[in-house]
Amino acid sequence: MDEGPSPLHEEILRLLWRGVTRPLSINTELRMVHPEEVEDALFDLEKMGYVKLRGPRNRVLMLLLSEWLLTRKGADHVAERRKSRGET
């Protein structure tokens, strides 16, 4: 994936920035988006280097026990986007 984050990716990055790191919590916040799309977007972000998964990768266990964390690249991206919008 060569292009930058999509709007869904950006929304997920904002949630992670706010501390919403558990897959079930992310899905709850993004209830208008199918959970599989959210999962795919998280793995896209991982491939881009913006996030990393802490915990098991097994689909069921991941929902219950894992959390997604921003990498330095992801945190810098969110901070830059917030700065460009004038957010603090």
C-alpha atoms as a PDB file:
ATOM      1  CA  MET A   1       0.000   0.000   0.000  1.00  0.00           C
ATOM      2  CA  ASP A   2       1.872   3.058  -1.259  1.00  0.00           C
ATOM      3  CA  GLU A   3      -0.617   5.852  -0.675  1.00  0.00           C
ATOM      4  CA  GLY A   4      -1.158   7.439   2.713  1.00  0.00           C
ATOM      5  CA  PRO A   5      -3.876   6.612   5.196  1.00  0.00           C
ATOM      6  CA  SER A   6      -7.502   6.625   4.000  1.00  0.00           C
ATOM      7  CA  PRO A   7     -10.269   8.381   5.970  1.00  0.00           C
ATOM      8  CA  LEU A   8     -10.992   5.102   7.814  1.00  0.00           C
ATOM      9  CA  HIS A   9      -7.296   4.726   8.626  1.00  0.00           C
ATOM     10  CA  GLU A  10      -7.224   8.321   9.887  1.00  0.00           C
ATOM     11  CA  GLU A  11     -10.235   7.720  12.127  1.00  0.00           C
ATOM     12  CA  ILE A  12      -8.633   4.601  13.594  1.00  0.00           C
ATOM     13  CA  LEU A  13      -5.391   6.497  14.213  1.00  0.00           C
ATOM     14  CA  ARG A  14      -7.367   9.228  16.032  1.00  0.00           C
ATOM     15  CA  LEU A  15      -9.044   6.596  18.217  1.00  0.00           C
ATOM     16  CA  LEU A  16      -5.693   5.041  19.079  1.00  0.00           C
ATOM     17  CA  TRP A  17      -4.337   8.514  19.891  1.00  0.00           C
ATOM     18  CA  ARG A  18      -7.259   8.945  22.329  1.00  0.00           C
ATOM     19  CA  GLY A  19      -6.421   5.627  23.999  1.00  0.00           C
ATOM     20  CA  VAL A  20      -9.037   3.388  22.372  1.00  0.00           C
ATOM     21  CA  THR A  21      -6.746   0.403  21.724  1.00  0.00           C
ATOM     22  CA  ARG A  22      -8.827  -2.759  22.127  1.00  0.00           C
ATOM     23  CA  PRO A  23     -10.352  -4.201  18.933  1.00  0.00           C
ATOM     24  CA  LEU A  24     -13.840  -4.478  20.464  1.00  0.00           C
ATOM     25  CA  SER A  25     -13.697  -0.852  21.629  1.00  0.00           C
ATOM     26  CA  ILE A  26     -12.524   0.324  18.215  1.00  0.00           C
ATOM     27  CA  ASN A  27     -15.402  -1.580  16.579  1.00  0.00           C
ATOM     28  CA  THR A  28     -17.856  -0.021  19.053  1.00  0.00           C
ATOM     29  CA  GLU A  29     -16.615   3.487  18.245  1.00  0.00           C
ATOM     30  CA  LEU A  30     -16.837   2.770  14.497  1.00  0.00           C
ATOM     31  CA  ARG A  31     -20.209   1.026  14.590  1.00  0.00           C
ATOM     32  CA  MET A  32     -21.122   2.261  11.091  1.00  0.00           C
ATOM     33  CA  VAL A  33     -18.160   0.310   9.648  1.00  0.00           C
ATOM     34  CA  HIS A  34     -18.186  -3.482   9.345  1.00  0.00           C
ATOM     35  CA  PRO A  35     -15.787  -5.094  11.872  1.00  0.00           C
ATOM     36  CA  GLU A  36     -13.929  -6.934   9.090  1.00  0.00           C
ATOM     37  CA  GLU A  37     -13.243  -3.602   7.354  1.00  0.00           C
ATOM     38  CA  VAL A  38     -11.880  -2.226  10.627  1.00  0.00           C
ATOM     39  CA  GLU A  39      -9.681  -5.303  11.060  1.00  0.00           C
ATOM     40  CA  ASP A  40      -8.399  -5.007   7.489  1.00  0.00           C
ATOM     41  CA  ALA A  41      -7.662  -1.314   8.034  1.00  0.00           C
ATOM     42  CA  LEU A  42      -5.719  -2.094  11.212  1.00  0.00           C
ATOM     43  CA  PHE A  43      -3.575  -4.626   9.370  1.00  0.00           C
ATOM     44  CA  ASP A  44      -3.087  -2.079   6.547  1.00  0.00           C
ATOM     45  CA  LEU A  45      -1.871   0.433   9.117  1.00  0.00           C
ATOM     46  CA  GLU A  46       0.475  -2.190  10.515  1.00  0.00           C
ATOM     47  CA  LYS A  47       1.928  -2.797   7.044  1.00  0.00           C
ATOM     48  CA  MET A  48       2.411   0.968   6.654  1.00  0.00           C
ATOM     49  CA  GLY A  49       4.250   1.082   9.987  1.00  0.00           C
ATOM     50  CA  TYR A  50       1.726   3.251  11.848  1.00  0.00           C
ATOM     51  CA  VAL A  51       0.574   0.679  14.428  1.00  0.00           C
ATOM     52  CA  LYS A  52       1.648  -2.567  16.022  1.00  0.00           C
ATOM     53  CA  LEU A  53      -0.369  -5.362  17.580  1.00  0.00           C
ATOM     54  CA  ARG A  54       0.384  -6.358  21.150  1.00  0.00           C
ATOM     55  CA  GLY A  55      -1.055  -9.763  21.965  1.00  0.00           C
ATOM     56  CA  PRO A  56      -2.239 -12.830  20.063  1.00  0.00           C
ATOM     57  CA  ARG A  57      -3.006 -12.703  16.339  1.00  0.00           C
ATOM     58  CA  ASN A  58      -5.610 -15.465  16.524  1.00  0.00           C
ATOM     59  CA  ARG A  59      -8.828 -13.776  15.386  1.00  0.00           C
ATOM     60  CA  VAL A  60     -10.949 -14.654  18.451  1.00  0.00           C
ATOM     61  CA  LEU A  61      -8.190 -14.150  21.014  1.00  0.00           C
ATOM     62  CA  MET A  62      -7.166 -10.912  19.329  1.00  0.00           C
ATOM     63  CA  LEU A  63     -10.642  -9.462  19.940  1.00  0.00           C
ATOM     64  CA  LEU A  64     -10.470 -10.376  23.611  1.00  0.00           C
ATOM     65  CA  LEU A  65      -6.828 -10.058  24.622  1.00  0.00           C
ATOM     66  CA  SER A  66      -4.916  -7.880  22.168  1.00  0.00           C
ATOM     67  CA  GLU A  67      -4.534  -4.164  21.750  1.00  0.00           C
ATOM     68  CA  TRP A  68      -3.318  -1.986  18.912  1.00  0.00           C
ATOM     69  CA  LEU A  69      -0.673   0.609  19.689  1.00  0.00           C
ATOM     70  CA  LEU A  70       0.613   3.572  17.723  1.00  0.00           C
ATOM     71  CA  THR A  71       4.213   3.348  16.607  1.00  0.00           C
ATOM     72  CA  ARG A  72       6.415   6.430  16.616  1.00  0.00           C
ATOM     73  CA  LYS A  73       5.548   6.915  12.925  1.00  0.00           C
ATOM     74  CA  GLY A  74       1.823   6.691  13.721  1.00  0.00           C
ATOM     75  CA  ALA A  75       2.040   9.096  16.649  1.00  0.00           C
ATOM     76  CA  ASP A  76       4.032  11.589  14.575  1.00  0.00           C
ATOM     77  CA  HIS A  77       1.456  11.337  11.770  1.00  0.00           C
ATOM     78  CA  VAL A  78      -1.469  12.002  14.120  1.00  0.00           C
ATOM     79  CA  ALA A  79       0.369  14.883  15.806  1.00  0.00           C
ATOM     80  CA  GLU A  80       1.114  16.458  12.415  1.00  0.00           C
ATOM     81  CA  ARG A  81      -2.526  16.088  11.294  1.00  0.00           C
ATOM     82  CA  ARG A  82      -3.776  17.622  14.550  1.00  0.00           C
ATOM     83  CA  LYS A  83      -1.315  20.502  14.195  1.00  0.00           C
ATOM     84  CA  SER A  84      -2.417  21.158  10.604  1.00  0.00           C
ATOM     85  CA  ARG A  85      -6.051  21.325  11.780  1.00  0.00           C
ATOM     86  CA  GLY A  86      -5.208  23.583  14.710  1.00  0.00           C
ATOM     87  CA  GLU A  87      -6.175  20.955  17.304  1.00  0.00           C
ATOM     88  CA  THR A  88      -4.288  20.600  20.560  1.00  0.00           C
END
